[in-house]
Amino acid sequence: MKKEIYPTEILEVKITGLDHKGNGYARYVHPPDRGSNGKGLKLFIPNAVPGDKVRVTVPNAKGRKQAVVSFDELLEASPDRNPDIPIKEANAGGTPLISMTYPAQLAYKTQEVKDHLESQGFDPACVRPIIGMDDPTRYRNKMELTFGAEGAIGMHEQGNFTKIIDMKDSVLAPKLFVEVKEVVAEWQQDYQLSYYDKQTQTGLLRNLLLRQSFVTDELMVVIYATQAPSELSEAVADLSQRLSQRFYQLASLQWILHKEATERIQADETHILYGRDYIKDELNGFRYRIWPETFFQANPIQAEKLVQIALEIAQVNNQMRVLDLFCGVGTFSLPLAERAKDLAGIEIVDQSIQSAIRNARDNGLDNTFFMTSDARNGLKRIDAEWGRPDLLLLDPPRSGAGGKVMRAIGRFGTDKIIYVSCFPKSLAEDLGWLRDYGYELVSVQPVDQFPHTTHVECVVLMEKMED
């Protein structure tokens, strides 16, 4: 049976919320005389703010259940719309909430945390006021940019992974990053070097990775390409000269060969063009070595607050033993170890464990024990190989720890659990598992780690109830 095609319609709708990607949400119900079933059409509209009234053009509107469309005209601006942002400006995918005022962003994120916790039966009253930034701009110490058509180097347009918006400037990036990007772009054009086309899987330049320490000032620049630098010796030598002469901060320039079609940035071969293969950084007074693939907090200003909050609610003293699950390179481990009797860290990525060991040694800490293992097996092994902790801290990936790990943590039975989360949905689901093991939710401290995005961090304290 041939599907019926309805005409394109122009609709006026009110934005009532946001979806998980930061798109404005509206629901339009055709009048009963149009044969409406009452369910309506769900519309997801980039750059729209709750409270906006907009006009949209929707193909086959009556025959669809939902659609993602850009608005044609802003009919009535929400009081939460940021008047400093151009209304129709193309939005790079890294800042979906940029059209909202910053106080409105903070209120939205706080409510997200409360809603997800309440959906799992927790009292939202335990959520403290969110900690925002005094200046929510240029806060990232790491940017991953993509080479695109017509010399563009930037991020994907929101909702369009085939288009790269050139980073002329960015609310996220330090000015140094913008300047480095411009030097690389000019170099690319001078040598007419092609960009990697994901659809045809052809071309040379794929990604530009930029890192800088806000403390040591050291800069890392990494080019990901489909050919080795030996095949472009003149161009590569010139790039090294341009960057090293222009930027005194340059401590590491690397060329990484990435031939596979996979989207994920990865290294087949690494070539050091200038300096060393890492930069030095500091967080909360502790020194770290950072390589291109090292996971390290991308907003050091707010990351220091996360660590300080964890230390405050943990109340660690020199008689306590602490376990850091998903410890990474030791962002939480080192500050905790400084105050604790002993600290153990568990992480599945051996490279991160080796970095954590080195970082502890660099900072003069001799009371740490690090283990390469998945979380569940690590919990089993740690009791036999190291002993029982008084406090367990976990900082899992965005997807959360999951039911199996959370049940293992519940059986493990430490008096206190601190959960550091970057996704309220998985956080609430994970915490639900601990109730069956006698834990209660004491406090939740949201932190705006990434302004202008939908992400929100939380530091949570769970305590075991007395029998």
Protein backbone atom coordinates (compact mmCIF):
# COMPACT_ATOMS: atom_id res chain seq x y z
CA MET A 1 0.00 0.00 0.00
CA LYS A 2 1.44 3.35 -1.02
CA LYS A 3 2.12 5.69 1.89
CA GLU A 4 0.04 8.86 1.71
CA ILE A 5 2.00 12.08 1.27
CA TYR A 6 0.63 15.22 2.90
CA PRO A 7 1.56 18.76 1.85
CA THR A 8 4.24 20.83 3.51
CA GLU A 9 2.84 23.01 6.27
CA ILE A 10 3.97 26.18 8.02
CA LEU A 11 3.26 25.94 11.74
CA GLU A 12 3.57 28.28 14.72
CA VAL A 13 4.62 26.49 17.91
CA LYS A 14 5.73 27.27 21.48
CA ILE A 15 8.92 25.65 22.76
CA THR A 16 8.10 23.85 26.00
CA GLY A 17 11.35 22.02 26.78
CA LEU A 18 14.64 20.58 25.52
CA ASP A 19 15.57 17.10 24.37
CA HIS A 20 18.74 15.31 25.49
CA LYS A 21 20.70 16.90 22.62
CA GLY A 22 19.69 20.43 23.60
CA ASN A 23 17.18 20.92 20.79
CA GLY A 24 14.03 22.85 21.61
CA TYR A 25 10.91 20.66 21.93
CA ALA A 26 7.39 21.50 20.81
CA ARG A 27 4.25 19.48 20.19
CA TYR A 28 1.71 20.46 17.56
CA VAL A 29 -1.78 18.91 17.43
CA HIS A 30 -3.86 19.45 14.30
CA PRO A 31 -7.44 20.59 14.91
CA PRO A 32 -10.15 17.88 15.11
CA ASP A 33 -11.59 18.95 11.74
CA ARG A 34 -8.23 17.94 10.22
CA GLY A 35 -8.71 14.39 11.42
CA SER A 36 -6.31 14.73 14.37
CA ASN A 37 -5.87 11.66 16.54
CA GLY A 38 -4.86 13.86 19.47
CA LYS A 39 -1.29 12.52 19.66
CA GLY A 40 0.22 15.38 17.73
CA LEU A 41 3.49 15.99 15.99
CA LYS A 42 6.71 16.16 18.04
CA LEU A 43 9.12 18.80 16.79
CA PHE A 44 12.81 19.09 17.72
CA ILE A 45 14.22 22.51 16.83
CA PRO A 46 17.93 23.43 17.15
CA ASN A 47 18.80 26.83 18.67
CA ALA A 48 15.31 27.19 20.14
CA VAL A 49 14.88 28.03 23.84
CA PRO A 50 12.00 27.01 26.15
CA GLY A 51 9.52 29.87 26.02
CA ASP A 52 10.28 30.83 22.40
CA LYS A 53 7.44 31.03 19.91
CA VAL A 54 8.69 30.12 16.42
CA ARG A 55 7.47 29.52 12.89
CA VAL A 56 8.63 26.28 11.25
CA THR A 57 8.17 24.61 7.87
CA VAL A 58 7.43 20.89 8.14
CA PRO A 59 7.19 18.63 5.06
CA ASN A 60 4.37 16.04 5.29
CA ALA A 61 3.41 17.47 8.69
CA LYS A 62 0.10 15.65 9.20
CA GLY A 63 1.55 12.31 8.18
CA ARG A 64 4.50 12.36 10.59
CA LYS A 65 4.96 11.56 14.26
CA GLN A 66 8.07 13.69 14.73
CA ALA A 67 10.52 15.88 12.84
CA VAL A 68 13.79 17.76 13.34
CA VAL A 69 13.51 21.18 11.71
CA SER A 70 15.18 24.58 11.95
CA PHE A 71 12.89 27.49 12.71
CA ASP A 72 12.16 30.01 9.95
CA GLU A 73 11.39 32.94 12.22
CA LEU A 74 11.48 33.76 15.90
CA LEU A 75 8.02 35.21 16.57
CA GLU A 76 8.41 35.77 20.29
CA ALA A 77 11.64 35.47 22.27
CA SER A 78 11.76 33.58 25.55
CA PRO A 79 12.89 35.58 28.60
CA ASP A 80 15.61 32.91 28.87
CA ARG A 81 17.01 33.62 25.38
CA ASN A 82 20.50 35.13 25.34
CA PRO A 83 20.18 38.44 23.43
CA ASP A 84 23.93 38.45 22.64
CA ILE A 85 23.71 35.36 20.41
CA PRO A 86 22.61 35.90 16.77
CA ILE A 87 19.22 34.25 16.33
CA LYS A 88 19.95 32.29 13.16
CA GLU A 89 23.66 31.65 13.70
CA ALA A 90 24.73 28.13 12.68
CA ASN A 91 25.56 26.31 15.87
CA ALA A 92 28.63 24.09 16.13
CA GLY A 93 27.76 20.85 17.87
CA GLY A 94 29.77 21.65 21.00
CA THR A 95 27.45 24.37 22.34
CA PRO A 96 23.76 23.37 21.99
CA LEU A 97 22.64 25.63 24.87
CA ILE A 98 24.49 28.74 23.72
CA SER A 99 21.19 30.51 22.88
CA MET A 100 20.10 30.35 26.55
CA THR A 101 21.17 32.79 29.24
CA TYR A 102 23.66 31.25 31.65
CA PRO A 103 21.31 31.38 34.70
CA ALA A 104 18.69 29.56 32.60
CA GLN A 105 21.24 26.89 31.67
CA LEU A 106 22.06 26.34 35.34
CA ALA A 107 18.37 26.09 36.27
CA TYR A 108 17.77 23.60 33.44
CA LYS A 109 20.67 21.39 34.52
CA THR A 110 19.63 21.45 38.17
CA GLN A 111 16.12 20.37 37.22
CA GLU A 112 17.53 17.57 35.04
CA VAL A 113 19.39 16.18 38.06
CA LYS A 114 16.30 16.42 40.27
CA ASP A 115 14.00 14.84 37.68
CA HIS A 116 16.24 11.83 37.09
CA LEU A 117 16.72 11.22 40.81
CA GLU A 118 12.98 11.54 41.46
CA SER A 119 12.27 9.07 38.65
CA GLN A 120 14.21 6.48 40.68
CA GLY A 121 12.36 7.28 43.90
CA PHE A 122 14.94 9.60 45.50
CA ASP A 123 14.05 12.83 47.29
CA PRO A 124 15.14 15.76 45.06
CA ALA A 125 15.47 17.92 48.17
CA CYS A 126 18.94 16.44 48.71
CA VAL A 127 20.19 18.28 45.58
CA ARG A 128 22.27 21.30 46.52
CA PRO A 129 22.37 24.52 44.44
CA ILE A 130 24.49 23.99 41.33
CA ILE A 131 28.01 25.43 41.23
CA GLY A 132 28.45 27.42 38.02
CA MET A 133 31.37 29.41 36.61
CA ASP A 134 32.09 33.08 37.20
CA ASP A 135 33.15 33.29 33.54
CA PRO A 136 31.66 30.41 31.49
CA THR A 137 33.86 31.06 28.45
CA ARG A 138 37.14 29.73 27.01
CA TYR A 139 37.34 27.10 29.71
CA ARG A 140 38.49 24.05 27.72
CA ASN A 141 42.10 22.89 27.93
CA LYS A 142 41.51 20.40 25.12
CA MET A 143 39.80 20.71 21.72
CA GLU A 144 39.37 18.04 19.04
CA LEU A 145 38.74 19.73 15.69
CA THR A 146 37.99 18.20 12.30
CA PHE A 147 39.32 19.18 8.87
CA GLY A 148 36.45 19.89 6.48
CA ALA A 149 35.61 21.13 3.01
CA GLU A 150 36.84 24.49 1.68
CA GLY A 151 39.59 24.77 4.28
CA ALA A 152 37.31 24.59 7.30
CA ILE A 153 38.77 23.37 10.59
CA GLY A 154 36.24 23.18 13.38
CA MET A 155 33.36 21.17 14.81
CA HIS A 156 30.33 19.52 13.25
CA GLU A 157 27.22 21.60 12.84
CA GLN A 158 24.64 20.65 15.44
CA GLY A 159 22.60 17.77 14.03
CA ASN A 160 24.64 17.59 10.79
CA PHE A 161 27.70 15.34 10.83
CA THR A 162 28.53 16.00 7.19
CA LYS A 163 29.23 19.73 7.68
CA ILE A 164 32.15 21.28 9.56
CA ILE A 165 31.74 24.83 10.86
CA ASP A 166 35.06 26.65 10.66
CA MET A 167 36.24 27.81 14.08
CA LYS A 168 36.76 31.52 13.49
CA ASP A 169 36.38 31.83 17.24
CA SER A 170 34.72 29.81 19.99
CA VAL A 171 33.11 30.44 23.34
CA LEU A 172 34.81 27.22 24.50
CA ALA A 173 38.35 27.60 23.17
CA PRO A 174 41.19 29.69 24.61
CA LYS A 175 42.36 32.37 22.19
CA LEU A 176 45.65 30.49 21.80
CA PHE A 177 43.75 27.55 20.27
CA VAL A 178 42.09 29.84 17.74
CA GLU A 179 45.48 31.30 16.79
CA VAL A 180 47.06 27.84 16.40
CA LYS A 181 44.14 26.70 14.28
CA GLU A 182 44.63 29.69 11.96
CA VAL A 183 48.33 28.90 11.50
CA VAL A 184 47.49 25.28 10.66
CA ALA A 185 44.74 26.37 8.25
CA GLU A 186 47.10 28.73 6.42
CA TRP A 187 49.72 25.98 6.20
CA GLN A 188 47.13 23.55 4.80
CA GLN A 189 46.10 26.01 2.12
CA ASP A 190 49.70 26.92 1.20
CA TYR A 191 50.45 23.27 0.45
CA GLN A 192 46.92 22.51 -0.88
CA LEU A 193 46.61 19.51 1.41
CA SER A 194 43.29 17.67 1.19
CA TYR A 195 40.91 16.97 4.03
CA TYR A 196 39.67 13.46 4.80
CA ASP A 197 36.21 12.89 3.32
CA LYS A 198 34.37 10.38 5.54
CA GLN A 199 31.91 9.43 2.82
CA THR A 200 34.48 8.64 0.14
CA GLN A 201 37.17 7.68 2.69
CA THR A 202 39.75 9.66 0.77
CA GLY A 203 41.99 12.60 1.66
CA LEU A 204 44.87 13.38 4.00
CA LEU A 205 44.10 15.53 7.05
CA ARG A 206 41.56 14.19 9.56
CA ASN A 207 41.76 15.88 12.96
CA LEU A 208 43.58 18.59 14.87
CA LEU A 209 43.99 17.97 18.61
CA LEU A 210 44.96 20.89 20.84
CA ARG A 211 45.86 20.70 24.54
CA GLN A 212 47.23 23.31 26.89
CA SER A 213 47.91 23.42 30.60
CA PHE A 214 46.45 26.51 32.24
CA VAL A 215 49.13 26.17 34.96
CA THR A 216 52.37 25.32 33.15
CA ASP A 217 51.29 27.01 29.90
CA GLU A 218 52.64 24.07 27.85
CA LEU A 219 50.95 23.51 24.49
CA MET A 220 50.42 20.28 22.55
CA VAL A 221 49.45 20.18 18.86
CA VAL A 222 48.60 16.89 17.17
CA ILE A 223 47.77 16.28 13.50
CA TYR A 224 45.91 13.06 12.63
CA ALA A 225 46.43 12.09 8.99
CA THR A 226 46.19 9.14 6.60
CA GLN A 227 49.82 9.35 5.45
CA ALA A 228 53.12 9.25 7.34
CA PRO A 229 55.05 12.54 7.66
CA SER A 230 57.93 11.05 5.61
CA GLU A 231 55.67 11.27 2.56
CA LEU A 232 55.25 15.05 3.12
CA SER A 233 58.66 15.93 4.52
CA GLU A 234 58.84 19.51 3.20
CA ALA A 235 55.34 20.46 4.37
CA VAL A 236 55.76 18.79 7.75
CA ALA A 237 59.10 20.48 8.41
CA ASP A 238 57.53 23.84 7.55
CA LEU A 239 54.61 23.24 9.92
CA SER A 240 57.04 22.51 12.74
CA GLN A 241 58.95 25.69 12.02
CA ARG A 242 55.83 27.87 11.79
CA LEU A 243 54.38 26.65 15.07
CA SER A 244 57.61 26.58 17.09
CA GLN A 245 58.58 30.09 15.97
CA ARG A 246 55.12 31.56 16.56
CA PHE A 247 54.21 29.90 19.87
CA TYR A 248 56.73 29.82 22.70
CA GLN A 249 54.29 27.59 24.63
CA LEU A 250 54.76 24.70 22.18
CA ALA A 251 56.12 21.69 24.08
CA SER A 252 54.83 18.87 21.88
CA LEU A 253 54.05 18.68 18.15
CA GLN A 254 53.00 15.23 16.94
CA TRP A 255 51.90 13.67 13.67
CA ILE A 256 49.75 10.58 14.20
CA LEU A 257 49.02 8.18 11.40
CA HIS A 258 45.36 7.07 11.33
CA LYS A 259 44.51 5.01 8.27
CA GLU A 260 41.39 3.16 9.39
CA ALA A 261 37.93 4.38 8.39
CA THR A 262 36.77 4.38 12.03
CA GLU A 263 35.45 7.70 13.39
CA ARG A 264 37.25 7.39 16.71
CA ILE A 265 40.54 9.27 16.88
CA GLN A 266 43.26 6.66 17.20
CA ALA A 267 46.97 6.14 16.61
CA ASP A 268 48.49 3.65 14.17
CA GLU A 269 51.91 5.33 14.37
CA THR A 270 53.10 8.35 16.33
CA HIS A 271 55.83 10.70 15.10
CA ILE A 272 57.28 13.45 17.32
CA LEU A 273 57.94 16.51 15.15
CA TYR A 274 58.92 18.90 17.95
CA GLY A 275 59.49 18.61 21.70
CA ARG A 276 58.32 15.54 23.60
CA ASP A 277 55.33 13.21 23.43
CA TYR A 278 53.56 14.70 26.48
CA ILE A 279 52.95 17.98 28.26
CA LYS A 280 53.04 18.71 31.97
CA ASP A 281 49.89 19.86 33.75
CA GLU A 282 48.73 20.47 37.30
CA LEU A 283 45.43 20.08 39.11
CA ASN A 284 44.85 20.91 42.78
CA GLY A 285 48.61 21.33 43.18
CA PHE A 286 49.45 17.85 41.83
CA ARG A 287 51.57 17.32 38.72
CA TYR A 288 50.45 15.14 35.80
CA ARG A 289 51.92 14.08 32.46
CA ILE A 290 49.41 14.34 29.62
CA TRP A 291 49.67 12.40 26.34
CA PRO A 292 47.33 12.83 23.33
CA GLU A 293 45.09 9.95 24.42
CA THR A 294 45.18 10.70 28.18
CA PHE A 295 41.79 11.27 29.76
CA PHE A 296 42.11 14.45 31.83
CA GLN A 297 39.43 16.87 32.96
CA ALA A 298 38.82 19.31 30.07
CA ASN A 299 37.71 22.16 32.34
CA PRO A 300 40.41 22.43 35.01
CA ILE A 301 38.69 25.30 36.84
CA GLN A 302 35.59 23.24 37.60
CA ALA A 303 37.55 19.99 37.91
CA GLU A 304 39.40 21.44 40.90
CA LYS A 305 36.03 22.19 42.47
CA LEU A 306 34.89 18.60 41.86
CA VAL A 307 37.95 17.28 43.68
CA GLN A 308 37.54 19.76 46.53
CA ILE A 309 33.88 18.78 46.97
CA ALA A 310 34.80 15.09 47.05
CA LEU A 311 37.48 15.76 49.68
CA GLU A 312 35.05 17.84 51.73
CA ILE A 313 32.28 15.25 51.88
CA ALA A 314 34.68 12.30 52.20
CA GLN A 315 36.24 13.73 55.39
CA VAL A 316 39.32 11.58 54.82
CA ASN A 317 41.91 11.38 57.59
CA ASN A 318 45.24 9.63 58.02
CA GLN A 319 43.61 6.59 59.59
CA MET A 320 41.42 5.81 56.58
CA ARG A 321 41.95 3.53 53.61
CA VAL A 322 40.38 4.70 50.33
CA LEU A 323 39.54 2.87 47.12
CA ASP A 324 39.27 4.84 43.84
CA LEU A 325 37.32 2.82 41.27
CA PHE A 326 37.67 3.92 37.61
CA CYS A 327 40.70 5.89 38.84
CA GLY A 328 42.09 6.91 35.43
CA VAL A 329 45.42 8.73 35.76
CA GLY A 330 44.76 9.65 39.40
CA THR A 331 42.78 12.90 39.30
CA PHE A 332 40.97 12.00 42.53
CA SER A 333 43.49 9.40 43.73
CA LEU A 334 46.39 11.74 44.44
CA PRO A 335 44.50 14.35 46.53
CA LEU A 336 42.80 11.53 48.47
CA ALA A 337 46.10 9.70 49.00
CA GLU A 338 47.68 12.84 50.44
CA ARG A 339 45.12 12.81 53.26
CA ALA A 340 44.54 9.06 53.70
CA LYS A 341 46.55 6.29 55.34
CA ASP A 342 46.52 4.28 52.09
CA LEU A 343 44.86 4.49 48.69
CA ALA A 344 44.18 1.89 46.01
CA GLY A 345 43.10 2.63 42.45
CA ILE A 346 41.45 0.32 39.92
CA GLU A 347 41.23 1.06 36.19
CA ILE A 348 40.75 -1.23 33.18
CA VAL A 349 43.08 0.76 30.88
CA ASP A 350 46.63 -0.28 31.71
CA GLN A 351 48.12 2.83 30.11
CA SER A 352 46.14 4.95 32.58
CA ILE A 353 47.31 2.79 35.48
CA GLN A 354 50.93 3.21 34.43
CA SER A 355 50.34 6.97 34.28
CA ALA A 356 48.73 6.92 37.74
CA ILE A 357 51.76 5.06 39.16
CA ARG A 358 54.12 7.56 37.54
CA ASN A 359 52.02 10.53 38.70
CA ALA A 360 52.00 9.27 42.30
CA ARG A 361 55.78 8.86 42.15
CA ASP A 362 56.25 12.32 40.60
CA ASN A 363 54.26 13.82 43.48
CA GLY A 364 56.16 11.98 46.22
CA LEU A 365 53.27 9.73 47.29
CA ASP A 366 54.34 6.29 48.55
CA ASN A 367 51.04 5.11 50.03
CA THR A 368 49.30 4.17 46.75
CA PHE A 369 48.50 0.84 45.12
CA PHE A 370 47.20 0.73 41.54
CA MET A 371 45.69 -2.26 39.77
CA THR A 372 44.77 -2.87 36.12
CA SER A 373 41.40 -4.62 36.15
CA ASP A 374 37.75 -4.24 35.29
CA ALA A 375 35.69 -2.95 38.18
CA ARG A 376 33.99 -6.18 39.28
CA ASN A 377 37.08 -8.39 39.25
CA GLY A 378 39.08 -5.57 40.76
CA LEU A 379 36.73 -5.41 43.74
CA LYS A 380 37.21 -9.14 44.28
CA ARG A 381 41.00 -8.92 44.02
CA ILE A 382 41.51 -5.78 46.05
CA ASP A 383 40.31 -7.33 49.29
CA ALA A 384 42.81 -10.17 48.99
CA GLU A 385 45.74 -8.19 47.59
CA TRP A 386 45.40 -4.88 49.43
CA GLY A 387 42.70 -5.01 52.08
CA ARG A 388 39.37 -3.43 52.98
CA PRO A 389 38.79 0.32 52.44
CA ASP A 390 36.77 2.66 54.63
CA LEU A 391 35.62 4.74 51.66
CA LEU A 392 34.95 3.91 48.01
CA LEU A 393 34.95 6.61 45.32
CA LEU A 394 33.87 5.88 41.75
CA ASP A 395 33.99 8.11 38.68
CA PRO A 396 32.62 5.89 35.88
CA PRO A 397 32.18 6.80 32.20
CA ARG A 398 29.06 8.56 30.94
CA SER A 399 27.17 5.28 30.55
CA GLY A 400 27.53 4.69 34.29
CA ALA A 401 28.87 1.71 36.20
CA GLY A 402 25.87 -0.53 35.48
CA GLY A 403 23.85 -2.90 37.64
CA LYS A 404 26.46 -5.67 37.92
CA VAL A 405 29.17 -3.31 39.15
CA MET A 406 26.80 -1.44 41.48
CA ARG A 407 25.62 -4.71 43.04
CA ALA A 408 29.27 -5.70 43.51
CA ILE A 409 29.88 -2.35 45.22
CA GLY A 410 26.83 -2.91 47.42
CA ARG A 411 28.10 -6.34 48.49
CA PHE A 412 31.55 -4.86 49.09
CA GLY A 413 29.93 -2.84 51.85
CA THR A 414 32.05 0.24 52.59
CA ASP A 415 30.50 2.69 55.04
CA LYS A 416 30.67 5.60 52.57
CA ILE A 417 30.43 5.78 48.79
CA ILE A 418 31.19 8.89 46.76
CA TYR A 419 29.90 8.74 43.19
CA VAL A 420 31.23 11.33 40.72
CA SER A 421 28.94 11.42 37.69
CA CYS A 422 28.83 13.17 34.33
CA PHE A 423 25.32 11.97 33.34
CA PRO A 424 22.30 12.32 35.69
CA LYS A 425 20.30 9.54 34.03
CA SER A 426 22.90 6.80 34.51
CA LEU A 427 23.72 8.24 37.96
CA ALA A 428 20.14 7.87 39.18
CA GLU A 429 19.85 4.36 37.76
CA ASP A 430 23.12 3.28 39.38
CA LEU A 431 22.23 4.73 42.79
CA GLY A 432 18.97 2.79 42.74
CA TRP A 433 20.90 -0.47 43.03
CA LEU A 434 22.55 0.58 46.30
CA ARG A 435 19.29 0.91 48.22
CA ASP A 436 18.97 -2.88 48.28
CA TYR A 437 22.25 -3.00 50.22
CA GLY A 438 21.23 -0.55 52.92
CA TYR A 439 22.56 2.71 51.50
CA GLU A 440 20.77 6.04 51.66
CA LEU A 441 21.32 9.17 49.58
CA VAL A 442 22.80 11.93 51.72
CA SER A 443 23.69 14.75 49.32
CA VAL A 444 24.03 15.60 45.63
CA GLN A 445 26.21 18.51 44.52
CA PRO A 446 25.76 19.46 40.83
CA VAL A 447 28.67 21.24 39.14
CA ASP A 448 28.48 22.91 35.74
CA GLN A 449 31.60 21.41 34.23
CA PHE A 450 30.71 22.27 30.63
CA PRO A 451 28.72 25.50 30.21
CA HIS A 452 26.68 25.83 27.00
CA THR A 453 26.37 22.03 26.70
CA THR A 454 23.72 19.68 28.09
CA HIS A 455 26.26 17.99 30.39
CA VAL A 456 26.21 18.36 34.16
CA GLU A 457 28.49 16.74 36.75
CA CYS A 458 27.47 15.64 40.23
CA VAL A 459 29.34 14.60 43.37
CA VAL A 460 27.12 12.30 45.42
CA LEU A 461 27.46 10.92 48.94
CA MET A 462 25.80 7.63 49.89
CA GLU A 463 26.08 6.20 53.42
CA LYS A 464 25.30 2.75 54.77
CA MET A 465 22.44 2.82 57.23
CA GLU A 466 22.81 1.23 60.64
CA ASP A 467 21.19 -2.19 60.94
